[in-house]
Amino acid sequence: MSIIVVGSIAYDDVETSKGHRADQLGGSASYFSLSASCFVPVHVVACVGDDFRKTDFEVFTKNNICTKGLEVLSGKTFRWKGTYLTDNGQAKNLETHFNVFSEFNPTIPHEYRELDYVFLAAIHPELQLRVLNQIKKPKFVVLDTRECFIQDRSVALQQLLQKTDLFLINDDESYLLTGHKNPHDALPLIHAMGPRYIVLKQGAQGSLVSCNNQVVSIPAYKDIDVFDTTGAGDSFAGGLVGWISQNDTITAESITQGVHYGTIMASFAIESFGVERLMSLTERDVSKRLESFEKLISME
């Protein structure tokens, strides 16, 4: 099985307590693709500028990621600058330059349109819907979003939720969408909007998997020397969707197991700057960390 992902590719300028990196490869599609490609081939739909480095194209092609859906437009690649040197350790946006991404009008290559597994990374819902409408008969659609798109109460977002199988959301987004802070009050309301499965990401507290009126709690991976959390959520999604696609089984149990893999992939991503650690991962690295993580869960 293979995955199609639509999202952003960017150059990031990031400052954390561990140091500073400028012009590092980032963006939701980059983190997701490199994480998911540890399990299955990935087909990326995104755009970059004509300043996009050849070596970064090679990062994708060397990691089982098809770039036929990666458009090169005249201008500069999307750029983001942020710092994590804040009181709460959360990212503070310093600069955002959408550049060619503001012109992005995704057209799906014909060979992508038959793919079964679709990940819609957190970009504007109208772009997500435009992509989804070009996929013939997707078997499993996974949607991510952001607070700003929920605040806009986008019609496209509501349409997407009706076509979504698995919705990835965090506590703040859940509250904005439903008006309820308690997940056990919010989750049924989100299910009523369309998604059969929901994964509620809770940062250092782990995540909740919700399906069929049952909620399973999964802890975060502990004892990590954190360098850069920029791509944690998309790396999590890559591990989750990658594992499900590899096994081609969609049940509450398989999604729960996929969350185990997502948690592991996110833990790898944040122990380096940018995508550095994801680029060097081996199958043994993943299986070894998963084994220790599942031992921890069984003890708890």
Protein backbone atom coordinates (compact mmCIF):
# COMPACT_ATOMS: atom_id res chain seq x y z
CA MET A 1 0.00 0.00 0.00
CA SER A 2 1.02 3.63 -0.56
CA ILE A 3 0.03 7.00 0.86
CA ILE A 4 -0.68 10.34 -0.79
CA VAL A 5 0.03 13.39 1.36
CA VAL A 6 -0.79 17.03 0.64
CA GLY A 7 0.91 19.64 2.76
CA SER A 8 3.60 22.27 2.94
CA ILE A 9 7.33 22.08 2.31
CA ALA A 10 9.30 24.88 3.89
CA TYR A 11 12.64 26.19 4.98
CA ASP A 12 12.59 26.84 8.71
CA ASP A 13 14.66 29.10 10.92
CA VAL A 14 14.37 27.67 14.43
CA GLU A 15 15.82 28.64 17.80
CA THR A 16 15.54 26.37 20.84
CA SER A 17 17.41 25.91 24.10
CA LYS A 18 19.70 23.51 22.18
CA GLY A 19 20.77 26.05 19.59
CA HIS A 20 19.77 27.59 16.29
CA ARG A 21 19.26 26.27 12.77
CA ALA A 22 18.61 28.38 9.68
CA ASP A 23 17.17 27.21 6.36
CA GLN A 24 16.50 23.67 7.58
CA LEU A 25 14.10 21.50 5.61
CA GLY A 26 10.66 21.56 7.21
CA GLY A 27 6.96 21.77 6.51
CA SER A 28 4.17 19.32 7.27
CA ALA A 29 4.65 17.26 4.10
CA SER A 30 8.37 16.82 4.79
CA TYR A 31 7.96 15.54 8.35
CA PHE A 32 5.00 13.32 7.49
CA SER A 33 6.61 11.84 4.37
CA LEU A 34 9.93 10.98 6.00
CA SER A 35 8.15 9.39 8.96
CA ALA A 36 5.61 7.41 6.91
CA SER A 37 8.21 6.29 4.37
CA CYS A 38 9.76 4.11 7.08
CA PHE A 39 6.71 1.87 6.49
CA VAL A 40 5.39 2.34 2.93
CA PRO A 41 6.03 4.41 -0.22
CA VAL A 42 4.74 7.98 -0.01
CA HIS A 43 3.51 10.23 -2.82
CA VAL A 44 3.83 13.91 -1.95
CA VAL A 45 1.71 16.79 -3.26
CA ALA A 46 3.21 20.17 -2.45
CA CYS A 47 5.00 23.12 -4.01
CA VAL A 48 8.43 24.71 -3.63
CA GLY A 49 10.23 27.65 -5.17
CA ASP A 50 13.06 27.61 -7.65
CA ASP A 51 15.42 28.14 -4.70
CA PHE A 52 14.68 24.62 -3.42
CA ARG A 53 17.95 22.79 -3.02
CA LYS A 54 18.81 19.75 -5.14
CA THR A 55 20.04 18.00 -2.02
CA ASP A 56 16.59 18.35 -0.49
CA PHE A 57 14.95 16.79 -3.53
CA GLU A 58 17.33 13.91 -2.96
CA VAL A 59 16.21 13.63 0.67
CA PHE A 60 12.79 12.65 -0.66
CA THR A 61 13.83 10.40 -3.52
CA LYS A 62 16.34 8.50 -1.38
CA ASN A 63 13.62 7.77 1.18
CA ASN A 64 10.98 6.09 -0.97
CA ILE A 65 9.04 9.34 -1.53
CA CYS A 66 7.67 10.04 -5.02
CA THR A 67 7.96 13.70 -6.02
CA LYS A 68 5.90 13.73 -9.23
CA GLY A 69 3.31 15.79 -7.35
CA LEU A 70 5.91 18.29 -6.13
CA GLU A 71 5.56 21.47 -8.19
CA VAL A 72 8.46 23.89 -8.64
CA LEU A 73 7.12 27.42 -9.02
CA SER A 74 8.97 30.62 -9.87
CA GLY A 75 9.87 32.38 -6.63
CA LYS A 76 10.92 31.47 -3.11
CA THR A 77 9.97 28.44 -1.05
CA PHE A 78 7.65 28.91 1.95
CA ARG A 79 9.70 30.11 4.94
CA TRP A 80 8.96 30.12 8.65
CA LYS A 81 10.96 31.55 11.55
CA GLY A 82 10.17 30.72 15.16
CA THR A 83 11.59 30.44 18.65
CA TYR A 84 10.91 28.05 21.49
CA LEU A 85 12.65 30.29 24.04
CA THR A 86 9.32 31.22 25.62
CA ASP A 87 7.96 30.93 29.14
CA ASN A 88 5.78 27.93 28.27
CA GLY A 89 8.20 26.34 25.79
CA GLN A 90 5.68 26.66 22.97
CA ALA A 91 6.64 27.94 19.54
CA LYS A 92 6.45 31.68 18.99
CA ASN A 93 6.02 32.71 15.38
CA LEU A 94 8.53 35.39 14.43
CA GLU A 95 8.13 35.46 10.65
CA THR A 96 6.00 33.66 8.06
CA HIS A 97 6.57 34.13 4.34
CA PHE A 98 4.22 31.96 2.29
CA ASN A 99 5.96 32.91 -0.96
CA VAL A 100 5.04 30.38 -3.70
CA PHE A 101 2.78 28.49 -1.30
CA SER A 102 0.27 31.34 -1.59
CA GLU A 103 -0.12 30.32 -5.26
CA PHE A 104 -0.49 26.60 -4.56
CA ASN A 105 -3.30 25.03 -6.59
CA PRO A 106 -2.80 21.28 -6.19
CA THR A 107 -3.28 19.08 -9.21
CA ILE A 108 -2.95 15.38 -8.50
CA PRO A 109 -0.90 13.28 -10.95
CA HIS A 110 -3.07 10.57 -12.51
CA GLU A 111 -0.99 7.77 -10.98
CA TYR A 112 -1.75 9.20 -7.51
CA ARG A 113 -5.53 9.25 -7.96
CA GLU A 114 -6.01 5.53 -7.39
CA LEU A 115 -4.22 5.46 -4.03
CA ASP A 116 -6.16 4.18 -1.03
CA TYR A 117 -4.60 6.09 1.87
CA VAL A 118 -4.80 9.88 2.01
CA PHE A 119 -3.29 12.25 4.57
CA LEU A 120 -4.45 15.86 4.45
CA ALA A 121 -1.89 17.82 6.46
CA ALA A 122 -2.89 21.03 8.22
CA ILE A 123 -3.20 23.48 5.34
CA HIS A 124 -6.23 25.51 4.25
CA PRO A 125 -9.37 23.31 4.14
CA GLU A 126 -10.21 24.45 0.60
CA LEU A 127 -6.87 23.06 -0.62
CA GLN A 128 -7.44 19.85 1.32
CA LEU A 129 -10.90 19.45 -0.21
CA ARG A 130 -9.56 20.20 -3.70
CA VAL A 131 -7.12 17.33 -3.34
CA LEU A 132 -9.63 14.91 -1.86
CA ASN A 133 -12.08 15.56 -4.69
CA GLN A 134 -9.41 14.39 -7.16
CA ILE A 135 -8.91 11.00 -5.47
CA LYS A 136 -11.21 8.40 -7.00
CA LYS A 137 -12.15 6.03 -4.18
CA PRO A 138 -9.99 6.57 -1.11
CA LYS A 139 -10.12 3.76 1.41
CA PHE A 140 -8.93 5.76 4.41
CA VAL A 141 -8.83 9.55 4.74
CA VAL A 142 -6.92 11.16 7.62
CA LEU A 143 -7.42 14.87 8.33
CA ASP A 144 -5.31 17.29 10.34
CA THR A 145 -6.16 20.94 10.94
CA ARG A 146 -5.23 24.06 12.91
CA GLU A 147 -6.97 26.46 15.26
CA CYS A 148 -7.14 29.22 12.66
CA PHE A 149 -9.18 27.05 10.27
CA ILE A 150 -11.62 26.11 13.03
CA GLN A 151 -12.00 29.75 14.05
CA ASP A 152 -12.88 30.63 10.45
CA ARG A 153 -15.72 28.05 10.61
CA SER A 154 -14.86 27.10 7.08
CA VAL A 155 -17.58 25.42 5.03
CA ALA A 156 -14.82 23.37 3.43
CA LEU A 157 -13.75 22.06 6.86
CA GLN A 158 -17.29 20.92 7.60
CA GLN A 159 -17.42 19.14 4.23
CA LEU A 160 -14.07 17.51 4.91
CA LEU A 161 -15.17 16.19 8.29
CA GLN A 162 -18.06 14.39 6.60
CA LYS A 163 -15.56 12.62 4.31
CA THR A 164 -12.95 11.91 6.99
CA ASP A 165 -12.28 8.49 8.51
CA LEU A 166 -9.69 9.57 11.10
CA PHE A 167 -9.45 13.09 12.53
CA LEU A 168 -6.27 14.24 14.29
CA ILE A 169 -6.90 17.09 16.71
CA ASN A 170 -5.46 18.55 19.91
CA ASP A 171 -7.12 19.81 23.10
CA ASP A 172 -7.28 23.47 22.04
CA GLU A 173 -8.70 22.61 18.63
CA SER A 174 -11.25 20.28 20.20
CA TYR A 175 -12.41 23.07 22.52
CA LEU A 176 -12.73 25.55 19.65
CA LEU A 177 -14.71 23.06 17.60
CA THR A 178 -17.14 21.97 20.34
CA GLY A 179 -17.00 24.46 23.20
CA HIS A 180 -16.16 21.66 25.63
CA LYS A 181 -12.84 21.32 27.47
CA ASN A 182 -13.56 17.84 28.78
CA PRO A 183 -12.61 15.37 26.02
CA HIS A 184 -15.36 12.97 27.05
CA ASP A 185 -17.92 15.69 26.31
CA ALA A 186 -16.18 16.91 23.14
CA LEU A 187 -15.40 13.63 21.40
CA PRO A 188 -19.03 12.49 20.78
CA LEU A 189 -19.79 15.88 19.23
CA ILE A 190 -16.82 15.57 16.88
CA HIS A 191 -17.84 12.05 15.89
CA ALA A 192 -21.27 13.42 15.00
CA MET A 193 -19.58 15.72 12.46
CA GLY A 194 -18.39 12.71 10.46
CA PRO A 195 -15.17 10.98 11.59
CA ARG A 196 -15.49 7.42 12.83
CA TYR A 197 -12.07 7.56 14.51
CA ILE A 198 -10.50 10.44 16.44
CA VAL A 199 -7.01 10.75 17.86
CA LEU A 200 -6.83 13.56 20.40
CA LYS A 201 -3.20 14.64 20.79
CA GLN A 202 -2.34 15.86 24.29
CA GLY A 203 1.37 16.61 24.01
CA ALA A 204 3.40 15.38 26.95
CA GLN A 205 0.29 13.65 28.31
CA GLY A 206 0.08 11.33 25.30
CA SER A 207 -3.07 10.85 23.24
CA LEU A 208 -6.61 9.47 23.28
CA VAL A 209 -8.03 7.13 20.65
CA SER A 210 -11.82 7.35 20.32
CA CYS A 211 -14.11 4.95 18.44
CA ASN A 212 -17.48 3.25 19.06
CA ASN A 213 -18.03 5.06 22.38
CA GLN A 214 -14.72 3.76 23.70
CA VAL A 215 -11.70 5.89 24.53
CA VAL A 216 -8.21 4.46 24.97
CA SER A 217 -5.45 6.50 26.60
CA ILE A 218 -1.87 6.10 25.33
CA PRO A 219 1.04 7.79 27.12
CA ALA A 220 3.79 9.83 25.51
CA TYR A 221 7.29 8.40 25.16
CA LYS A 222 9.38 9.56 28.11
CA ASP A 223 13.02 10.44 28.77
CA ILE A 224 13.86 12.21 25.50
CA ASP A 225 16.51 14.88 25.17
CA VAL A 226 14.36 17.34 23.24
CA PHE A 227 16.03 19.49 20.60
CA ASP A 228 13.23 20.75 18.36
CA THR A 229 9.51 19.94 18.54
CA THR A 230 8.59 21.69 15.28
CA GLY A 231 7.56 18.57 13.34
CA ALA A 232 6.32 16.38 16.18
CA GLY A 233 2.66 16.30 15.13
CA ASP A 234 3.32 15.52 11.48
CA SER A 235 5.92 12.88 12.38
CA PHE A 236 3.33 11.34 14.72
CA ALA A 237 0.82 11.27 11.85
CA GLY A 238 3.41 9.71 9.56
CA GLY A 239 4.05 6.82 11.92
CA LEU A 240 0.34 6.31 12.54
CA VAL A 241 -0.82 6.36 8.92
CA GLY A 242 2.32 4.60 7.68
CA TRP A 243 1.81 1.63 9.95
CA ILE A 244 -1.93 1.37 9.19
CA SER A 245 -1.22 1.52 5.45
CA GLN A 246 1.51 -1.11 5.72
CA ASN A 247 -0.87 -3.52 7.43
CA ASP A 248 -3.89 -2.46 5.37
CA THR A 249 -6.23 -3.09 8.29
CA ILE A 250 -8.57 -0.41 9.63
CA THR A 251 -10.03 -1.16 13.05
CA ALA A 252 -9.98 0.54 16.43
CA GLU A 253 -7.25 -1.92 17.46
CA SER A 254 -5.06 -1.21 14.42
CA ILE A 255 -5.42 2.53 14.92
CA THR A 256 -4.44 2.16 18.56
CA GLN A 257 -1.36 0.20 17.50
CA GLY A 258 -0.69 2.86 14.86
CA VAL A 259 -0.70 5.48 17.60
CA HIS A 260 2.06 3.50 19.32
CA TYR A 261 4.13 3.83 16.14
CA GLY A 262 3.17 7.49 15.77
CA THR A 263 4.33 8.19 19.31
CA ILE A 264 7.67 6.52 18.56
CA MET A 265 8.22 8.44 15.31
CA ALA A 266 7.43 11.75 17.02
CA SER A 267 9.93 10.90 19.76
CA PHE A 268 12.63 10.40 17.15
CA ALA A 269 11.78 13.63 15.34
CA ILE A 270 12.10 15.87 18.38
CA GLU A 271 15.50 14.56 19.49
CA SER A 272 17.21 16.43 16.64
CA PHE A 273 16.76 19.63 14.68
CA GLY A 274 14.37 19.45 11.73
CA VAL A 275 14.23 16.14 9.88
CA GLU A 276 17.80 15.11 10.74
CA ARG A 277 16.87 12.10 12.89
CA LEU A 278 14.09 10.91 10.60
CA MET A 279 16.57 10.80 7.71
CA SER A 280 18.88 8.43 9.56
CA LEU A 281 16.37 6.01 11.09
CA THR A 282 16.63 2.26 10.60
CA GLU A 283 14.01 -0.43 11.02
CA ARG A 284 15.95 -1.67 14.03
CA ASP A 285 15.83 1.78 15.65
CA VAL A 286 12.04 1.83 15.35
CA SER A 287 11.43 -1.73 16.54
CA LYS A 288 13.79 -1.37 19.50
CA ARG A 289 12.15 1.82 20.74
CA LEU A 290 8.67 0.41 20.17
CA GLU A 291 9.56 -2.61 22.29
CA SER A 292 10.67 -0.43 25.20
CA PHE A 293 7.59 1.80 24.82
CA GLU A 294 5.19 -1.14 24.90
CA LYS A 295 6.94 -2.54 27.97
CA LEU A 296 6.31 0.81 29.64
CA ILE A 297 2.63 0.69 28.68
CA SER A 298 2.22 -2.84 30.04
CA MET A 299 3.80 -1.78 33.33
CA GLU A 300 1.47 1.19 33.63
